[in-house]
Amino acid sequence: MPPERNEKVLLRRYHEQGDLAAREQLIEQYMSLVRSLARRYSYRGEQLDDLVQIGAIGLIKAIDRFDLNRGVELSTYATPNIIGEIKRHFRDKGWSVRVPRGLQELNVQLSRLIEQLTVQHGRSPTIPELAKAAGTQEEEVLEALESGRAYSSVSLSTGGGSDEDGDLAPLDSIGTEEQQYEISEDWALLAPGFRVLDERERTILHLRFFKGLTQSQIAQQVGISQMHVSRLIRRSLEKIREEIAVEEEVAP
């Protein structure tokens, strides 16, 4: 049985039948992914085994929250969860996480590709499309996007990550006003919902979440008020949520 098919069988056994043995098998099957991702952050002075244990928490959360109807591979969904758990560990300690040069370069490349593919397709690209265009694996794309938001201890000492316009810093988590959307973790699941947005809404979300512009900068570029930008962001995210909810209802 192909690995991806075996994965789906195990996920179905766990989620539909409560088979804990299947859950344990999935955890064991993906521990190599956890170790691979954890190794990239071991330079911070933490023992690799400790980081693997922390990353495993993210893997378990991904397995428990995985939705079989999404059409996303478990590895694609688990990667940002694992990285997020490791970074949360550093964040709790008040440590900064330096982004490896290779990921920095890939992040820059992805920014260009996102812009090009958005124009080309009239919608924001999916993770598989980005991976194909960049000539890399989906996991690498997700890690680069997540690492683009690498935590900096400077934000803790300067008042919590807000910029001069009162917006949250572009690479920080989007705050309560924007419903805690974190681009790297949610992108694989949110991307299909972008088809319900009009051109201006897609442009504004692209400028905010991918180009890192503040709401005030977007307002200047698009030619509307900052308050209007804020309303459009909220409305666009709500439309995406509704579209995803509809897809869930009609899924077989």
C-alpha atoms as a PDB file:
ATOM      1  CA  MET A   1       0.000   0.000   0.000  1.00  0.00           C
ATOM      2  CA  PRO A   2       1.452   3.426  -0.987  1.00  0.00           C
ATOM      3  CA  PRO A   3       2.508   5.534   2.054  1.00  0.00           C
ATOM      4  CA  GLU A   4      -0.052   8.264   1.371  1.00  0.00           C
ATOM      5  CA  ARG A   5      -2.873   5.718   1.155  1.00  0.00           C
ATOM      6  CA  ASN A   6      -1.721   4.009   4.340  1.00  0.00           C
ATOM      7  CA  GLU A   7      -1.671   7.439   6.000  1.00  0.00           C
ATOM      8  CA  LYS A   8      -5.300   8.078   5.019  1.00  0.00           C
ATOM      9  CA  VAL A   9      -6.343   4.641   6.294  1.00  0.00           C
ATOM     10  CA  LEU A  10      -4.698   5.283   9.660  1.00  0.00           C
ATOM     11  CA  LEU A  11      -6.208   8.762   9.924  1.00  0.00           C
ATOM     12  CA  ARG A  12      -9.640   7.393   9.131  1.00  0.00           C
ATOM     13  CA  ARG A  13      -9.287   4.616  11.699  1.00  0.00           C
ATOM     14  CA  TYR A  14      -8.276   7.109  14.356  1.00  0.00           C
ATOM     15  CA  HIS A  15     -10.819   9.854  13.622  1.00  0.00           C
ATOM     16  CA  GLU A  16     -13.789   7.651  12.765  1.00  0.00           C
ATOM     17  CA  GLN A  17     -13.210   4.644  15.030  1.00  0.00           C
ATOM     18  CA  GLY A  18     -11.139   6.174  17.828  1.00  0.00           C
ATOM     19  CA  ASP A  19      -8.331   3.694  17.131  1.00  0.00           C
ATOM     20  CA  LEU A  20      -5.479   4.919  19.358  1.00  0.00           C
ATOM     21  CA  ALA A  21      -3.110   2.322  17.899  1.00  0.00           C
ATOM     22  CA  ALA A  22      -3.534   4.012  14.510  1.00  0.00           C
ATOM     23  CA  ARG A  23      -2.730   7.364  16.139  1.00  0.00           C
ATOM     24  CA  GLU A  24       0.455   5.935  17.666  1.00  0.00           C
ATOM     25  CA  GLN A  25       1.438   4.484  14.301  1.00  0.00           C
ATOM     26  CA  LEU A  26       1.009   7.887  12.642  1.00  0.00           C
ATOM     27  CA  ILE A  27       3.121   9.547  15.324  1.00  0.00           C
ATOM     28  CA  GLU A  28       5.875   6.971  14.842  1.00  0.00           C
ATOM     29  CA  GLN A  29       5.636   7.296  11.061  1.00  0.00           C
ATOM     30  CA  TYR A  30       6.161  11.077  11.142  1.00  0.00           C
ATOM     31  CA  MET A  31       8.783  11.358  13.876  1.00  0.00           C
ATOM     32  CA  SER A  32      11.471  11.526  11.185  1.00  0.00           C
ATOM     33  CA  LEU A  33       9.817  14.738   9.934  1.00  0.00           C
ATOM     34  CA  VAL A  34       9.805  16.121  13.486  1.00  0.00           C
ATOM     35  CA  ARG A  35      13.495  15.284  13.928  1.00  0.00           C
ATOM     36  CA  SER A  36      14.401  16.835  10.577  1.00  0.00           C
ATOM     37  CA  LEU A  37      12.643  20.104  11.448  1.00  0.00           C
ATOM     38  CA  ALA A  38      13.935  20.156  15.033  1.00  0.00           C
ATOM     39  CA  ARG A  39      17.523  19.732  13.856  1.00  0.00           C
ATOM     40  CA  ARG A  40      17.339  23.122  12.138  1.00  0.00           C
ATOM     41  CA  TYR A  41      16.822  24.869  15.484  1.00  0.00           C
ATOM     42  CA  SER A  42      19.299  22.907  17.611  1.00  0.00           C
ATOM     43  CA  TYR A  43      21.960  25.622  17.192  1.00  0.00           C
ATOM     44  CA  ARG A  44      20.178  27.652  19.897  1.00  0.00           C
ATOM     45  CA  GLY A  45      21.848  25.592  22.612  1.00  0.00           C
ATOM     46  CA  GLU A  46      18.914  23.252  23.212  1.00  0.00           C
ATOM     47  CA  GLN A  47      19.430  19.497  23.102  1.00  0.00           C
ATOM     48  CA  LEU A  48      18.098  18.008  19.877  1.00  0.00           C
ATOM     49  CA  ASP A  49      16.140  15.345  21.758  1.00  0.00           C
ATOM     50  CA  ASP A  50      14.392  18.055  23.788  1.00  0.00           C
ATOM     51  CA  LEU A  51      13.409  19.909  20.612  1.00  0.00           C
ATOM     52  CA  VAL A  52      12.178  16.654  19.072  1.00  0.00           C
ATOM     53  CA  GLN A  53       9.915  16.081  22.080  1.00  0.00           C
ATOM     54  CA  ILE A  54       8.575  19.635  21.776  1.00  0.00           C
ATOM     55  CA  GLY A  55       8.058  19.253  18.025  1.00  0.00           C
ATOM     56  CA  ALA A  56       6.235  15.976  18.638  1.00  0.00           C
ATOM     57  CA  ILE A  57       3.585  17.939  20.529  1.00  0.00           C
ATOM     58  CA  GLY A  58       2.935  19.894  17.329  1.00  0.00           C
ATOM     59  CA  LEU A  59       2.725  16.657  15.348  1.00  0.00           C
ATOM     60  CA  ILE A  60       0.203  15.194  17.785  1.00  0.00           C
ATOM     61  CA  LYS A  61      -1.903  18.358  17.616  1.00  0.00           C
ATOM     62  CA  ALA A  62      -1.835  18.181  13.812  1.00  0.00           C
ATOM     63  CA  ILE A  63      -2.937  14.531  13.830  1.00  0.00           C
ATOM     64  CA  ASP A  64      -5.723  15.258  16.316  1.00  0.00           C
ATOM     65  CA  ARG A  65      -6.999  18.303  14.390  1.00  0.00           C
ATOM     66  CA  PHE A  66      -6.557  16.901  10.889  1.00  0.00           C
ATOM     67  CA  ASP A  67      -9.622  17.079   8.649  1.00  0.00           C
ATOM     68  CA  LEU A  68      -9.772  14.262   6.108  1.00  0.00           C
ATOM     69  CA  ASN A  69     -12.099  16.273   3.885  1.00  0.00           C
ATOM     70  CA  ARG A  70      -9.600  19.086   3.288  1.00  0.00           C
ATOM     71  CA  GLY A  71      -7.591  17.351   0.593  1.00  0.00           C
ATOM     72  CA  VAL A  72      -4.303  18.332   2.267  1.00  0.00           C
ATOM     73  CA  GLU A  73      -1.508  15.868   3.020  1.00  0.00           C
ATOM     74  CA  LEU A  74      -0.771  15.293   6.702  1.00  0.00           C
ATOM     75  CA  SER A  75       2.882  16.281   6.232  1.00  0.00           C
ATOM     76  CA  THR A  76       1.794  19.589   4.686  1.00  0.00           C
ATOM     77  CA  TYR A  77      -0.526  20.301   7.597  1.00  0.00           C
ATOM     78  CA  ALA A  78       1.841  19.027  10.283  1.00  0.00           C
ATOM     79  CA  THR A  79       4.964  20.954   9.240  1.00  0.00           C
ATOM     80  CA  PRO A  80       3.852  24.440  10.394  1.00  0.00           C
ATOM     81  CA  ASN A  81       2.363  22.930  13.565  1.00  0.00           C
ATOM     82  CA  ILE A  82       5.687  21.308  14.439  1.00  0.00           C
ATOM     83  CA  ILE A  83       7.692  24.451  13.658  1.00  0.00           C
ATOM     84  CA  GLY A  84       5.197  26.591  15.538  1.00  0.00           C
ATOM     85  CA  GLU A  85       5.515  24.453  18.663  1.00  0.00           C
ATOM     86  CA  ILE A  86       9.319  24.683  18.588  1.00  0.00           C
ATOM     87  CA  LYS A  87       9.229  28.445  18.073  1.00  0.00           C
ATOM     88  CA  ARG A  88       6.704  28.825  20.861  1.00  0.00           C
ATOM     89  CA  HIS A  89       9.229  27.122  23.124  1.00  0.00           C
ATOM     90  CA  PHE A  90      11.886  29.699  22.216  1.00  0.00           C
ATOM     91  CA  ARG A  91       9.364  32.509  22.441  1.00  0.00           C
ATOM     92  CA  ASP A  92       8.391  31.490  25.970  1.00  0.00           C
ATOM     93  CA  LYS A  93      12.056  31.676  26.901  1.00  0.00           C
ATOM     94  CA  GLY A  94      12.373  35.122  25.324  1.00  0.00           C
ATOM     95  CA  TRP A  95      14.947  33.905  22.815  1.00  0.00           C
ATOM     96  CA  SER A  96      15.210  35.081  19.230  1.00  0.00           C
ATOM     97  CA  VAL A  97      15.215  32.529  16.438  1.00  0.00           C
ATOM     98  CA  ARG A  98      17.634  33.259  13.614  1.00  0.00           C
ATOM     99  CA  VAL A  99      16.317  32.226  10.225  1.00  0.00           C
ATOM    100  CA  PRO A 100      18.861  30.114   8.291  1.00  0.00           C
ATOM    101  CA  ARG A 101      20.144  31.845   5.149  1.00  0.00           C
ATOM    102  CA  GLY A 102      18.704  29.186   2.859  1.00  0.00           C
ATOM    103  CA  LEU A 103      15.212  29.756   4.240  1.00  0.00           C
ATOM    104  CA  GLN A 104      15.647  33.524   4.015  1.00  0.00           C
ATOM    105  CA  GLU A 105      16.508  33.196   0.321  1.00  0.00           C
ATOM    106  CA  LEU A 106      13.585  30.848  -0.302  1.00  0.00           C
ATOM    107  CA  ASN A 107      11.260  33.264   1.506  1.00  0.00           C
ATOM    108  CA  VAL A 108      12.364  36.085  -0.819  1.00  0.00           C
ATOM    109  CA  GLN A 109      11.849  33.817  -3.835  1.00  0.00           C
ATOM    110  CA  LEU A 110       8.386  32.827  -2.604  1.00  0.00           C
ATOM    111  CA  SER A 111       7.377  36.468  -2.172  1.00  0.00           C
ATOM    112  CA  ARG A 112       8.149  37.077  -5.847  1.00  0.00           C
ATOM    113  CA  LEU A 113       6.426  33.874  -6.940  1.00  0.00           C
ATOM    114  CA  ILE A 114       3.299  34.649  -4.927  1.00  0.00           C
ATOM    115  CA  GLU A 115       3.039  38.013  -6.647  1.00  0.00           C
ATOM    116  CA  GLN A 116       3.637  36.530 -10.109  1.00  0.00           C
ATOM    117  CA  LEU A 117       1.241  33.609  -9.666  1.00  0.00           C
ATOM    118  CA  THR A 118      -1.470  35.807  -8.160  1.00  0.00           C
ATOM    119  CA  VAL A 119      -1.370  38.008 -11.269  1.00  0.00           C
ATOM    120  CA  GLN A 120      -1.140  34.988 -13.579  1.00  0.00           C
ATOM    121  CA  HIS A 121      -4.046  33.007 -12.082  1.00  0.00           C
ATOM    122  CA  GLY A 122      -6.170  35.843 -10.708  1.00  0.00           C
ATOM    123  CA  ARG A 123      -6.019  34.241  -7.279  1.00  0.00           C
ATOM    124  CA  SER A 124      -3.480  33.485  -4.605  1.00  0.00           C
ATOM    125  CA  PRO A 125      -1.403  30.351  -5.295  1.00  0.00           C
ATOM    126  CA  THR A 126      -1.683  27.153  -3.303  1.00  0.00           C
ATOM    127  CA  ILE A 127       1.216  25.543  -1.450  1.00  0.00           C
ATOM    128  CA  PRO A 128       1.649  22.813  -4.125  1.00  0.00           C
ATOM    129  CA  GLU A 129       1.727  25.488  -6.862  1.00  0.00           C
ATOM    130  CA  LEU A 130       4.366  27.457  -4.960  1.00  0.00           C
ATOM    131  CA  ALA A 131       6.448  24.332  -4.391  1.00  0.00           C
ATOM    132  CA  LYS A 132       6.325  23.433  -8.089  1.00  0.00           C
ATOM    133  CA  ALA A 133       7.224  26.970  -9.183  1.00  0.00           C
ATOM    134  CA  ALA A 134      10.090  27.158  -6.684  1.00  0.00           C
ATOM    135  CA  GLY A 135      11.341  23.680  -7.561  1.00  0.00           C
ATOM    136  CA  THR A 136      11.200  22.511  -3.963  1.00  0.00           C
ATOM    137  CA  GLN A 137       9.100  20.418  -1.579  1.00  0.00           C
ATOM    138  CA  GLU A 138       5.826  21.599  -0.035  1.00  0.00           C
ATOM    139  CA  GLU A 139       7.337  21.169   3.435  1.00  0.00           C
ATOM    140  CA  GLU A 140      10.180  23.531   2.475  1.00  0.00           C
ATOM    141  CA  VAL A 141       7.672  26.143   1.302  1.00  0.00           C
ATOM    142  CA  LEU A 142       5.722  25.922   4.543  1.00  0.00           C
ATOM    143  CA  GLU A 143       8.879  26.121   6.631  1.00  0.00           C
ATOM    144  CA  ALA A 144      10.132  29.156   4.703  1.00  0.00           C
ATOM    145  CA  LEU A 145       6.807  30.954   5.143  1.00  0.00           C
ATOM    146  CA  GLU A 146       6.771  30.109   8.845  1.00  0.00           C
ATOM    147  CA  SER A 147      10.403  31.142   9.267  1.00  0.00           C
ATOM    148  CA  GLY A 148       9.587  34.450   7.620  1.00  0.00           C
ATOM    149  CA  ARG A 149       7.685  35.174  10.788  1.00  0.00           C
ATOM    150  CA  ALA A 150      10.631  34.201  12.973  1.00  0.00           C
ATOM    151  CA  TYR A 151      10.263  35.497  16.476  1.00  0.00           C
ATOM    152  CA  SER A 152      12.550  38.330  17.530  1.00  0.00           C
ATOM    153  CA  SER A 153      13.145  39.164  21.155  1.00  0.00           C
ATOM    154  CA  VAL A 154      13.309  42.814  20.074  1.00  0.00           C
ATOM    155  CA  SER A 155       9.520  42.848  19.728  1.00  0.00           C
ATOM    156  CA  LEU A 156       9.197  42.022  23.411  1.00  0.00           C
ATOM    157  CA  SER A 157      11.313  45.005  24.429  1.00  0.00           C
ATOM    158  CA  THR A 158       9.584  47.499  22.161  1.00  0.00           C
ATOM    159  CA  GLY A 159       6.006  47.073  23.276  1.00  0.00           C
ATOM    160  CA  GLY A 160       4.764  43.852  21.766  1.00  0.00           C
ATOM    161  CA  GLY A 161       5.225  44.107  18.016  1.00  0.00           C
ATOM    162  CA  SER A 162       3.097  47.048  16.843  1.00  0.00           C
ATOM    163  CA  ASP A 163       4.372  49.405  14.176  1.00  0.00           C
ATOM    164  CA  GLU A 164       4.117  53.154  13.968  1.00  0.00           C
ATOM    165  CA  ASP A 165       0.648  53.014  12.407  1.00  0.00           C
ATOM    166  CA  GLY A 166      -0.786  50.971  15.236  1.00  0.00           C
ATOM    167  CA  ASP A 167      -0.889  47.861  13.034  1.00  0.00           C
ATOM    168  CA  LEU A 168       0.692  44.647  14.160  1.00  0.00           C
ATOM    169  CA  ALA A 169       4.177  44.190  12.758  1.00  0.00           C
ATOM    170  CA  PRO A 170       3.824  42.467   9.341  1.00  0.00           C
ATOM    171  CA  LEU A 171       5.528  39.208  10.266  1.00  0.00           C
ATOM    172  CA  ASP A 172       3.901  38.829  13.666  1.00  0.00           C
ATOM    173  CA  SER A 173       0.651  36.979  14.277  1.00  0.00           C
ATOM    174  CA  ILE A 174      -2.369  38.850  12.973  1.00  0.00           C
ATOM    175  CA  GLY A 175      -4.212  40.187  16.021  1.00  0.00           C
ATOM    176  CA  THR A 176      -7.794  39.931  17.198  1.00  0.00           C
ATOM    177  CA  GLU A 177      -9.005  42.411  14.569  1.00  0.00           C
ATOM    178  CA  GLU A 178      -7.931  40.006  11.856  1.00  0.00           C
ATOM    179  CA  GLN A 179      -9.041  36.848  13.658  1.00  0.00           C
ATOM    180  CA  GLN A 180      -5.625  35.387  14.472  1.00  0.00           C
ATOM    181  CA  TYR A 181      -4.898  34.326  10.908  1.00  0.00           C
ATOM    182  CA  GLU A 182      -1.273  33.202  10.654  1.00  0.00           C
ATOM    183  CA  ILE A 183      -0.246  32.935   7.050  1.00  0.00           C
ATOM    184  CA  SER A 184       2.095  29.968   7.229  1.00  0.00           C
ATOM    185  CA  GLU A 185      -0.101  27.736   9.368  1.00  0.00           C
ATOM    186  CA  ASP A 186      -3.445  28.444   7.709  1.00  0.00           C
ATOM    187  CA  TRP A 187      -2.457  29.102   4.110  1.00  0.00           C
ATOM    188  CA  ALA A 188      -2.805  25.522   2.892  1.00  0.00           C
ATOM    189  CA  LEU A 189      -6.369  25.438   4.229  1.00  0.00           C
ATOM    190  CA  LEU A 190      -7.408  29.008   3.416  1.00  0.00           C
ATOM    191  CA  ALA A 191      -6.155  29.228  -0.172  1.00  0.00           C
ATOM    192  CA  PRO A 192      -9.216  27.553  -1.787  1.00  0.00           C
ATOM    193  CA  GLY A 193     -11.459  30.213  -0.224  1.00  0.00           C
ATOM    194  CA  PHE A 194      -9.721  33.020  -2.118  1.00  0.00           C
ATOM    195  CA  ARG A 195     -11.801  32.298  -5.208  1.00  0.00           C
ATOM    196  CA  VAL A 196     -14.790  34.057  -3.585  1.00  0.00           C
ATOM    197  CA  LEU A 197     -12.878  37.348  -3.292  1.00  0.00           C
ATOM    198  CA  ASP A 198     -12.932  40.080  -5.895  1.00  0.00           C
ATOM    199  CA  GLU A 199      -9.733  41.512  -7.370  1.00  0.00           C
ATOM    200  CA  ARG A 200      -9.438  44.366  -4.859  1.00  0.00           C
ATOM    201  CA  GLU A 201      -9.956  42.069  -1.864  1.00  0.00           C
ATOM    202  CA  ARG A 202      -7.300  39.649  -3.130  1.00  0.00           C
ATOM    203  CA  THR A 203      -4.924  42.545  -3.730  1.00  0.00           C
ATOM    204  CA  ILE A 204      -5.402  43.934  -0.219  1.00  0.00           C
ATOM    205  CA  LEU A 205      -4.869  40.557   1.478  1.00  0.00           C
ATOM    206  CA  HIS A 206      -1.818  39.982  -0.705  1.00  0.00           C
ATOM    207  CA  LEU A 207      -0.322  43.361   0.257  1.00  0.00           C
ATOM    208  CA  ARG A 208      -1.074  42.826   3.937  1.00  0.00           C
ATOM    209  CA  PHE A 209      -0.020  39.226   4.486  1.00  0.00           C
ATOM    210  CA  PHE A 210       2.580  38.602   1.769  1.00  0.00           C
ATOM    211  CA  LYS A 211       4.126  42.001   1.069  1.00  0.00           C
ATOM    212  CA  GLY A 212       4.023  42.984   4.743  1.00  0.00           C
ATOM    213  CA  LEU A 213       2.461  46.424   4.209  1.00  0.00           C
ATOM    214  CA  THR A 214       0.644  48.144   7.059  1.00  0.00           C
ATOM    215  CA  GLN A 215      -3.003  49.110   6.660  1.00  0.00           C
ATOM    216  CA  SER A 216      -1.976  52.747   6.219  1.00  0.00           C
ATOM    217  CA  GLN A 217       0.498  51.846   3.467  1.00  0.00           C
ATOM    218  CA  ILE A 218      -2.153  49.752   1.716  1.00  0.00           C
ATOM    219  CA  ALA A 219      -4.615  52.639   1.948  1.00  0.00           C
ATOM    220  CA  GLN A 220      -2.111  54.912   0.205  1.00  0.00           C
ATOM    221  CA  GLN A 221      -1.352  52.389  -2.513  1.00  0.00           C
ATOM    222  CA  VAL A 222      -4.969  51.424  -3.219  1.00  0.00           C
ATOM    223  CA  GLY A 223      -6.361  54.930  -2.802  1.00  0.00           C
ATOM    224  CA  ILE A 224      -8.861  54.388   0.004  1.00  0.00           C
ATOM    225  CA  SER A 225      -8.947  55.199   3.716  1.00  0.00           C
ATOM    226  CA  GLN A 226      -7.144  53.112   6.335  1.00  0.00           C
ATOM    227  CA  MET A 227     -10.505  52.421   7.994  1.00  0.00           C
ATOM    228  CA  HIS A 228     -11.864  51.114   4.688  1.00  0.00           C
ATOM    229  CA  VAL A 229      -8.829  48.826   4.352  1.00  0.00           C
ATOM    230  CA  SER A 230      -9.475  47.463   7.847  1.00  0.00           C
ATOM    231  CA  ARG A 231     -13.130  46.763   6.984  1.00  0.00           C
ATOM    232  CA  LEU A 232     -12.179  45.061   3.712  1.00  0.00           C
ATOM    233  CA  ILE A 233      -9.667  42.797   5.461  1.00  0.00           C
ATOM    234  CA  ARG A 234     -12.255  41.731   8.026  1.00  0.00           C
ATOM    235  CA  ARG A 235     -14.902  41.205   5.351  1.00  0.00           C
ATOM    236  CA  SER A 236     -12.526  39.219   3.128  1.00  0.00           C
ATOM    237  CA  LEU A 237     -11.491  36.900   5.941  1.00  0.00           C
ATOM    238  CA  GLU A 238     -15.145  36.393   6.857  1.00  0.00           C
ATOM    239  CA  LYS A 239     -15.959  35.489   3.232  1.00  0.00           C
ATOM    240  CA  ILE A 240     -13.125  32.965   3.225  1.00  0.00           C
ATOM    241  CA  ARG A 241     -14.369  31.425   6.469  1.00  0.00           C
ATOM    242  CA  GLU A 242     -17.893  31.138   5.066  1.00  0.00           C
ATOM    243  CA  GLU A 243     -16.642  29.546   1.845  1.00  0.00           C
ATOM    244  CA  ILE A 244     -14.604  26.979   3.754  1.00  0.00           C
ATOM    245  CA  ALA A 245     -17.598  26.232   5.997  1.00  0.00           C
ATOM    246  CA  VAL A 246     -19.775  25.622   2.909  1.00  0.00           C
ATOM    247  CA  GLU A 247     -17.145  23.274   1.463  1.00  0.00           C
ATOM    248  CA  GLU A 248     -17.132  21.321   4.710  1.00  0.00           C
ATOM    249  CA  GLU A 249     -20.924  20.961   4.631  1.00  0.00           C
ATOM    250  CA  VAL A 250     -21.036  19.640   1.066  1.00  0.00           C
ATOM    251  CA  ALA A 251     -17.966  17.412   1.381  1.00  0.00           C
ATOM    252  CA  PRO A 252     -18.818  13.688   1.005  1.00  0.00           C
END
